[in-house]
Amino acid sequence: MKNTEVTAVIDKTANNFSANVEELPGFVCTAKTLSELKEEVQKGIEFHLEGMKKDGNVIPKPFKGNYKVKYKLNTKK
């Protein structure tokens, strides 16, 4: 089965990095380094989806099967 791509948009601030996932409204995470951020995105998506399931929310279609996170640096600042 082919992985669906989801996009994590990365922003750089003075002190850290943050990311939101376009296909997962309400999801945001932060970390000190880019490599830490990528780890946090992976763990955070699963945690967010578990919470959505517990709350009875509809899981967005890209996350109903296999997915792969694509990272994109936000250059619109």
PDB file of N, CA and C in Angstrom:
ATOM      1  N   MET A   1       0.837  -1.183   0.000  1.00  0.00           N
ATOM      2  CA  MET A   1       0.000   0.000   0.000  1.00  0.00           C
ATOM      3  C   MET A   1       0.885   1.250   0.000  1.00  0.00           C
ATOM      4  N   LYS A   2       0.545   2.214  -0.818  1.00  0.00           N
ATOM      5  CA  LYS A   2       1.307   3.439  -0.944  1.00  0.00           C
ATOM      6  C   LYS A   2       1.064   4.343   0.269  1.00  0.00           C
ATOM      7  N   ASN A   3       2.138   4.979   0.749  1.00  0.00           N
ATOM      8  CA  ASN A   3       2.011   5.940   1.840  1.00  0.00           C
ATOM      9  C   ASN A   3       1.425   7.246   1.331  1.00  0.00           C
ATOM     10  N   THR A   4       0.509   7.815   2.101  1.00  0.00           N
ATOM     11  CA  THR A   4      -0.004   9.142   1.823  1.00  0.00           C
ATOM     12  C   THR A   4       0.974  10.150   2.410  1.00  0.00           C
ATOM     13  N   GLU A   5       1.304  11.198   1.673  1.00  0.00           N
ATOM     14  CA  GLU A   5       2.195  12.224   2.199  1.00  0.00           C
ATOM     15  C   GLU A   5       1.393  13.275   2.948  1.00  0.00           C
ATOM     16  N   VAL A   6       1.881  13.634   4.127  1.00  0.00           N
ATOM     17  CA  VAL A   6       1.339  14.756   4.876  1.00  0.00           C
ATOM     18  C   VAL A   6       2.472  15.756   5.048  1.00  0.00           C
ATOM     19  N   THR A   7       2.141  17.031   5.171  1.00  0.00           N
ATOM     20  CA  THR A   7       3.158  18.074   5.188  1.00  0.00           C
ATOM     21  C   THR A   7       3.261  18.732   6.547  1.00  0.00           C
ATOM     22  N   ALA A   8       4.479  18.702   7.100  1.00  0.00           N
ATOM     23  CA  ALA A   8       4.779  19.435   8.326  1.00  0.00           C
ATOM     24  C   ALA A   8       5.495  20.718   7.921  1.00  0.00           C
ATOM     25  N   VAL A   9       4.877  21.849   8.224  1.00  0.00           N
ATOM     26  CA  VAL A   9       5.458  23.144   7.885  1.00  0.00           C
ATOM     27  C   VAL A   9       6.281  23.618   9.079  1.00  0.00           C
ATOM     28  N   ILE A  10       7.559  23.874   8.839  1.00  0.00           N
ATOM     29  CA  ILE A  10       8.489  24.239   9.902  1.00  0.00           C
ATOM     30  C   ILE A  10       8.729  25.742   9.898  1.00  0.00           C
ATOM     31  N   ASP A  11       8.671  26.315  11.097  1.00  0.00           N
ATOM     32  CA  ASP A  11       9.008  27.721  11.306  1.00  0.00           C
ATOM     33  C   ASP A  11      10.195  27.801  12.244  1.00  0.00           C
ATOM     34  N   LYS A  12      11.094  28.740  12.001  1.00  0.00           N
ATOM     35  CA  LYS A  12      12.240  28.980  12.879  1.00  0.00           C
ATOM     36  C   LYS A  12      11.966  30.251  13.664  1.00  0.00           C
ATOM     37  N   THR A  13      12.100  30.173  14.985  1.00  0.00           N
ATOM     38  CA  THR A  13      11.972  31.356  15.820  1.00  0.00           C
ATOM     39  C   THR A  13      13.342  31.676  16.401  1.00  0.00           C
ATOM     40  N   ALA A  14      13.427  32.683  17.224  1.00  0.00           N
ATOM     41  CA  ALA A  14      14.709  33.065  17.817  1.00  0.00           C
ATOM     42  C   ALA A  14      15.283  31.953  18.684  1.00  0.00           C
ATOM     43  N   ASN A  15      14.421  31.165  19.333  1.00  0.00           N
ATOM     44  CA  ASN A  15      14.894  30.179  20.301  1.00  0.00           C
ATOM     45  C   ASN A  15      14.662  28.723  19.941  1.00  0.00           C
ATOM     46  N   ASN A  16      13.818  28.449  18.944  1.00  0.00           N
ATOM     47  CA  ASN A  16      13.514  27.046  18.638  1.00  0.00           C
ATOM     48  C   ASN A  16      12.902  26.907  17.251  1.00  0.00           C
ATOM     49  N   PHE A  17      12.433  25.698  16.986  1.00  0.00           N
ATOM     50  CA  PHE A  17      11.709  25.388  15.761  1.00  0.00           C
ATOM     51  C   PHE A  17      10.296  24.961  16.149  1.00  0.00           C
ATOM     52  N   SER A  18       9.342  25.237  15.291  1.00  0.00           N
ATOM     53  CA  SER A  18       7.981  24.746  15.505  1.00  0.00           C
ATOM     54  C   SER A  18       7.476  24.156  14.202  1.00  0.00           C
ATOM     55  N   ALA A  19       6.472  23.297  14.327  1.00  0.00           N
ATOM     56  CA  ALA A  19       5.896  22.677  13.126  1.00  0.00           C
ATOM     57  C   ALA A  19       4.409  22.485  13.321  1.00  0.00           C
ATOM     58  N   ASN A  20       3.672  22.677  12.255  1.00  0.00           N
ATOM     59  CA  ASN A  20       2.265  22.291  12.226  1.00  0.00           C
ATOM     60  C   ASN A  20       2.088  21.366  11.035  1.00  0.00           C
ATOM     61  N   VAL A  21       1.094  20.512  11.126  1.00  0.00           N
ATOM     62  CA  VAL A  21       0.837  19.565  10.043  1.00  0.00           C
ATOM     63  C   VAL A  21      -0.438  20.012   9.341  1.00  0.00           C
ATOM     64  N   GLU A  22      -0.296  20.350   8.071  1.00  0.00           N
ATOM     65  CA  GLU A  22      -1.410  20.933   7.306  1.00  0.00           C
ATOM     66  C   GLU A  22      -2.665  20.067   7.333  1.00  0.00           C
ATOM     67  N   GLU A  23      -2.499  18.758   7.299  1.00  0.00           N
ATOM     68  CA  GLU A  23      -3.641  17.852   7.219  1.00  0.00           C
ATOM     69  C   GLU A  23      -4.216  17.485   8.583  1.00  0.00           C
ATOM     70  N   LEU A  24      -3.655  18.066   9.665  1.00  0.00           N
ATOM     71  CA  LEU A  24      -4.090  17.733  11.017  1.00  0.00           C
ATOM     72  C   LEU A  24      -4.330  19.022  11.807  1.00  0.00           C
ATOM     73  N   PRO A  25      -5.491  19.650  11.599  1.00  0.00           N
ATOM     74  CA  PRO A  25      -5.795  20.924  12.263  1.00  0.00           C
ATOM     75  C   PRO A  25      -5.620  20.823  13.780  1.00  0.00           C
ATOM     76  N   GLY A  26      -4.996  21.856  14.347  1.00  0.00           N
ATOM     77  CA  GLY A  26      -4.802  21.915  15.782  1.00  0.00           C
ATOM     78  C   GLY A  26      -3.500  21.301  16.259  1.00  0.00           C
ATOM     79  N   PHE A  27      -2.757  20.665  15.369  1.00  0.00           N
ATOM     80  CA  PHE A  27      -1.496  20.037  15.762  1.00  0.00           C
ATOM     81  C   PHE A  27      -0.343  21.017  15.605  1.00  0.00           C
ATOM     82  N   VAL A  28       0.404  21.226  16.692  1.00  0.00           N
ATOM     83  CA  VAL A  28       1.603  22.058  16.686  1.00  0.00           C
ATOM     84  C   VAL A  28       2.597  21.436  17.659  1.00  0.00           C
ATOM     85  N   CYS A  29       3.868  21.472  17.325  1.00  0.00           N
ATOM     86  CA  CYS A  29       4.881  21.049  18.293  1.00  0.00           C
ATOM     87  C   CYS A  29       6.127  21.912  18.122  1.00  0.00           C
ATOM     88  N   THR A  30       6.961  21.910  19.158  1.00  0.00           N
ATOM     89  CA  THR A  30       8.183  22.705  19.150  1.00  0.00           C
ATOM     90  C   THR A  30       9.352  21.873  19.662  1.00  0.00           C
ATOM     91  N   ALA A  31      10.565  22.311  19.315  1.00  0.00           N
ATOM     92  CA  ALA A  31      11.784  21.659  19.802  1.00  0.00           C
ATOM     93  C   ALA A  31      12.953  22.624  19.600  1.00  0.00           C
ATOM     94  N   LYS A  32      14.028  22.363  20.310  1.00  0.00           N
ATOM     95  CA  LYS A  32      15.229  23.208  20.224  1.00  0.00           C
ATOM     96  C   LYS A  32      15.978  23.039  18.906  1.00  0.00           C
ATOM     97  N   THR A  33      16.027  21.811  18.381  1.00  0.00           N
ATOM     98  CA  THR A  33      16.763  21.558  17.143  1.00  0.00           C
ATOM     99  C   THR A  33      15.838  20.957  16.087  1.00  0.00           C
ATOM    100  N   LEU A  34      16.290  21.018  14.872  1.00  0.00           N
ATOM    101  CA  LEU A  34      15.503  20.475  13.761  1.00  0.00           C
ATOM    102  C   LEU A  34      15.352  18.958  13.883  1.00  0.00           C
ATOM    103  N   SER A  35      16.399  18.261  14.266  1.00  0.00           N
ATOM    104  CA  SER A  35      16.298  16.808  14.393  1.00  0.00           C
ATOM    105  C   SER A  35      15.346  16.424  15.526  1.00  0.00           C
ATOM    106  N   GLU A  36      15.385  17.169  16.643  1.00  0.00           N
ATOM    107  CA  GLU A  36      14.439  16.922  17.733  1.00  0.00           C
ATOM    108  C   GLU A  36      13.012  17.192  17.275  1.00  0.00           C
ATOM    109  N   LEU A  37      12.846  18.237  16.481  1.00  0.00           N
ATOM    110  CA  LEU A  37      11.512  18.584  15.998  1.00  0.00           C
ATOM    111  C   LEU A  37      10.929  17.452  15.156  1.00  0.00           C
ATOM    112  N   LYS A  38      11.731  16.879  14.288  1.00  0.00           N
ATOM    113  CA  LYS A  38      11.243  15.789  13.447  1.00  0.00           C
ATOM    114  C   LYS A  38      10.798  14.596  14.293  1.00  0.00           C
ATOM    115  N   GLU A  39      11.548  14.296  15.346  1.00  0.00           N
ATOM    116  CA  GLU A  39      11.145  13.216  16.261  1.00  0.00           C
ATOM    117  C   GLU A  39       9.829  13.561  16.952  1.00  0.00           C
ATOM    118  N   GLU A  40       9.721  14.808  17.409  1.00  0.00           N
ATOM    119  CA  GLU A  40       8.513  15.245  18.114  1.00  0.00           C
ATOM    120  C   GLU A  40       7.292  15.233  17.199  1.00  0.00           C
ATOM    121  N   VAL A  41       7.487  15.570  15.933  1.00  0.00           N
ATOM    122  CA  VAL A  41       6.373  15.539  14.979  1.00  0.00           C
ATOM    123  C   VAL A  41       5.848  14.102  14.867  1.00  0.00           C
ATOM    124  N   GLN A  42       6.742  13.149  14.696  1.00  0.00           N
ATOM    125  CA  GLN A  42       6.319  11.754  14.551  1.00  0.00           C
ATOM    126  C   GLN A  42       5.563  11.275  15.783  1.00  0.00           C
ATOM    127  N   LYS A  43       6.138  11.495  16.967  1.00  0.00           N
ATOM    128  CA  LYS A  43       5.485  11.069  18.207  1.00  0.00           C
ATOM    129  C   LYS A  43       4.211  11.863  18.454  1.00  0.00           C
ATOM    130  N   GLY A  44       4.266  13.155  18.172  1.00  0.00           N
ATOM    131  CA  GLY A  44       3.131  14.030  18.431  1.00  0.00           C
ATOM    132  C   GLY A  44       1.912  13.715  17.581  1.00  0.00           C
ATOM    133  N   ILE A  45       2.125  13.350  16.332  1.00  0.00           N
ATOM    134  CA  ILE A  45       0.997  12.995  15.460  1.00  0.00           C
ATOM    135  C   ILE A  45       0.248  11.808  16.059  1.00  0.00           C
ATOM    136  N   GLU A  46       0.987  10.784  16.459  1.00  0.00           N
ATOM    137  CA  GLU A  46       0.345   9.593  17.031  1.00  0.00           C
ATOM    138  C   GLU A  46      -0.419   9.945  18.309  1.00  0.00           C
ATOM    139  N   PHE A  47       0.180  10.759  19.153  1.00  0.00           N
ATOM    140  CA  PHE A  47      -0.467  11.185  20.392  1.00  0.00           C
ATOM    141  C   PHE A  47      -1.740  11.982  20.089  1.00  0.00           C
ATOM    142  N   HIS A  48      -1.653  12.888  19.129  1.00  0.00           N
ATOM    143  CA  HIS A  48      -2.794  13.715  18.727  1.00  0.00           C
ATOM    144  C   HIS A  48      -3.934  12.842  18.187  1.00  0.00           C
ATOM    145  N   LEU A  49      -3.581  11.881  17.346  1.00  0.00           N
ATOM    146  CA  LEU A  49      -4.598  10.998  16.772  1.00  0.00           C
ATOM    147  C   LEU A  49      -5.264  10.140  17.849  1.00  0.00           C
ATOM    148  N   GLU A  50      -4.479   9.660  18.816  1.00  0.00           N
ATOM    149  CA  GLU A  50      -5.057   8.885  19.923  1.00  0.00           C
ATOM    150  C   GLU A  50      -6.074   9.725  20.694  1.00  0.00           C
ATOM    151  N   GLY A  51      -5.720  10.981  20.953  1.00  0.00           N
ATOM    152  CA  GLY A  51      -6.641  11.879  21.649  1.00  0.00           C
ATOM    153  C   GLY A  51      -7.910  12.121  20.852  1.00  0.00           C
ATOM    154  N   MET A  52      -7.768  12.290  19.550  1.00  0.00           N
ATOM    155  CA  MET A  52      -8.932  12.493  18.696  1.00  0.00           C
ATOM    156  C   MET A  52      -9.849  11.278  18.754  1.00  0.00           C
ATOM    157  N   LYS A  53      -9.258  10.074  18.699  1.00  0.00           N
ATOM    158  CA  LYS A  53     -10.058   8.845  18.755  1.00  0.00           C
ATOM    159  C   LYS A  53     -10.801   8.749  20.078  1.00  0.00           C
ATOM    160  N   LYS A  54     -10.103   9.029  21.191  1.00  0.00           N
ATOM    161  CA  LYS A  54     -10.724   8.973  22.519  1.00  0.00           C
ATOM    162  C   LYS A  54     -11.885   9.947  22.638  1.00  0.00           C
ATOM    163  N   ASP A  55     -11.727  11.118  22.008  1.00  0.00           N
ATOM    164  CA  ASP A  55     -12.769  12.144  22.064  1.00  0.00           C
ATOM    165  C   ASP A  55     -13.887  11.900  21.060  1.00  0.00           C
ATOM    166  N   GLY A  56     -13.755  10.886  20.220  1.00  0.00           N
ATOM    167  CA  GLY A  56     -14.778  10.575  19.233  1.00  0.00           C
ATOM    168  C   GLY A  56     -14.739  11.455  17.998  1.00  0.00           C
ATOM    169  N   ASN A  57     -13.618  12.128  17.770  1.00  0.00           N
ATOM    170  CA  ASN A  57     -13.482  12.985  16.590  1.00  0.00           C
ATOM    171  C   ASN A  57     -13.160  12.153  15.352  1.00  0.00           C
ATOM    172  N   VAL A  58     -13.503  12.673  14.217  1.00  0.00           N
ATOM    173  CA  VAL A  58     -13.215  12.009  12.948  1.00  0.00           C
ATOM    174  C   VAL A  58     -11.730  12.171  12.640  1.00  0.00           C
ATOM    175  N   ILE A  59     -11.072  11.078  12.322  1.00  0.00           N
ATOM    176  CA  ILE A  59      -9.654  11.101  11.954  1.00  0.00           C
ATOM    177  C   ILE A  59      -9.558  11.540  10.494  1.00  0.00           C
ATOM    178  N   PRO A  60      -8.723  12.557  10.199  1.00  0.00           N
ATOM    179  CA  PRO A  60      -8.571  12.996   8.812  1.00  0.00           C
ATOM    180  C   PRO A  60      -8.125  11.847   7.905  1.00  0.00           C
ATOM    181  N   LYS A  61      -8.642  11.841   6.706  1.00  0.00           N
ATOM    182  CA  LYS A  61      -8.417  10.750   5.760  1.00  0.00           C
ATOM    183  C   LYS A  61      -6.946  10.346   5.586  1.00  0.00           C
ATOM    184  N   PRO A  62      -5.994  11.296   5.470  1.00  0.00           N
ATOM    185  CA  PRO A  62      -4.602  10.875   5.265  1.00  0.00           C
ATOM    186  C   PRO A  62      -4.045   9.996   6.387  1.00  0.00           C
ATOM    187  N   PHE A  63      -4.653  10.047   7.559  1.00  0.00           N
ATOM    188  CA  PHE A  63      -4.139   9.314   8.709  1.00  0.00           C
ATOM    189  C   PHE A  63      -4.878   7.999   8.963  1.00  0.00           C
ATOM    190  N   LYS A  64      -5.778   7.639   8.064  1.00  0.00           N
ATOM    191  CA  LYS A  64      -6.525   6.390   8.209  1.00  0.00           C
ATOM    192  C   LYS A  64      -5.745   5.196   7.691  1.00  0.00           C
ATOM    193  N   GLY A  65      -4.681   5.452   6.954  1.00  0.00           N
ATOM    194  CA  GLY A  65      -3.827   4.377   6.441  1.00  0.00           C
ATOM    195  C   GLY A  65      -2.379   4.709   6.735  1.00  0.00           C
ATOM    196  N   ASN A  66      -1.504   4.225   5.906  1.00  0.00           N
ATOM    197  CA  ASN A  66      -0.084   4.540   6.062  1.00  0.00           C
ATOM    198  C   ASN A  66       0.186   5.941   5.558  1.00  0.00           C
ATOM    199  N   TYR A  67       1.008   6.661   6.292  1.00  0.00           N
ATOM    200  CA  TYR A  67       1.354   8.020   5.869  1.00  0.00           C
ATOM    201  C   TYR A  67       2.841   8.268   6.104  1.00  0.00           C
ATOM    202  N   LYS A  68       3.354   9.247   5.375  1.00  0.00           N
ATOM    203  CA  LYS A  68       4.746   9.658   5.497  1.00  0.00           C
ATOM    204  C   LYS A  68       4.757  11.168   5.645  1.00  0.00           C
ATOM    205  N   VAL A  69       5.571  11.664   6.574  1.00  0.00           N
ATOM    206  CA  VAL A  69       5.646  13.106   6.802  1.00  0.00           C
ATOM    207  C   VAL A  69       6.704  13.711   5.889  1.00  0.00           C
ATOM    208  N   LYS A  70       6.283  14.752   5.168  1.00  0.00           N
ATOM    209  CA  LYS A  70       7.186  15.539   4.322  1.00  0.00           C
ATOM    210  C   LYS A  70       7.386  16.867   5.050  1.00  0.00           C
ATOM    211  N   TYR A  71       8.618  17.340   5.152  1.00  0.00           N
ATOM    212  CA  TYR A  71       8.907  18.575   5.875  1.00  0.00           C
ATOM    213  C   TYR A  71       9.142  19.705   4.884  1.00  0.00           C
ATOM    214  N   LYS A  72       8.563  20.868   5.224  1.00  0.00           N
ATOM    215  CA  LYS A  72       8.683  22.036   4.349  1.00  0.00           C
ATOM    216  C   LYS A  72       8.971  23.246   5.227  1.00  0.00           C
ATOM    217  N   LEU A  73      10.044  23.984   4.914  1.00  0.00           N
ATOM    218  CA  LEU A  73      10.383  25.173   5.666  1.00  0.00           C
ATOM    219  C   LEU A  73       9.497  26.339   5.221  1.00  0.00           C
ATOM    220  N   ASN A  74       8.883  27.008   6.189  1.00  0.00           N
ATOM    221  CA  ASN A  74       8.047  28.160   5.884  1.00  0.00           C
ATOM    222  C   ASN A  74       8.946  29.341   5.558  1.00  0.00           C
ATOM    223  N   THR A  75       8.851  29.830   4.341  1.00  0.00           N
ATOM    224  CA  THR A  75       9.687  30.959   3.910  1.00  0.00           C
ATOM    225  C   THR A  75       8.871  32.236   3.769  1.00  0.00           C
ATOM    226  N   LYS A  76       7.630  32.229   4.208  1.00  0.00           N
ATOM    227  CA  LYS A  76       6.743  33.390   4.063  1.00  0.00           C
ATOM    228  C   LYS A  76       6.769  34.256   5.312  1.00  0.00           C
ATOM    229  N   LYS A  77       7.919  34.767   5.662  1.00  0.00           N
ATOM    230  CA  LYS A  77       8.032  35.635   6.847  1.00  0.00           C
ATOM    231  C   LYS A  77       8.652  36.931   6.514  1.00  0.00           C
TER     232      LYS A  77
END
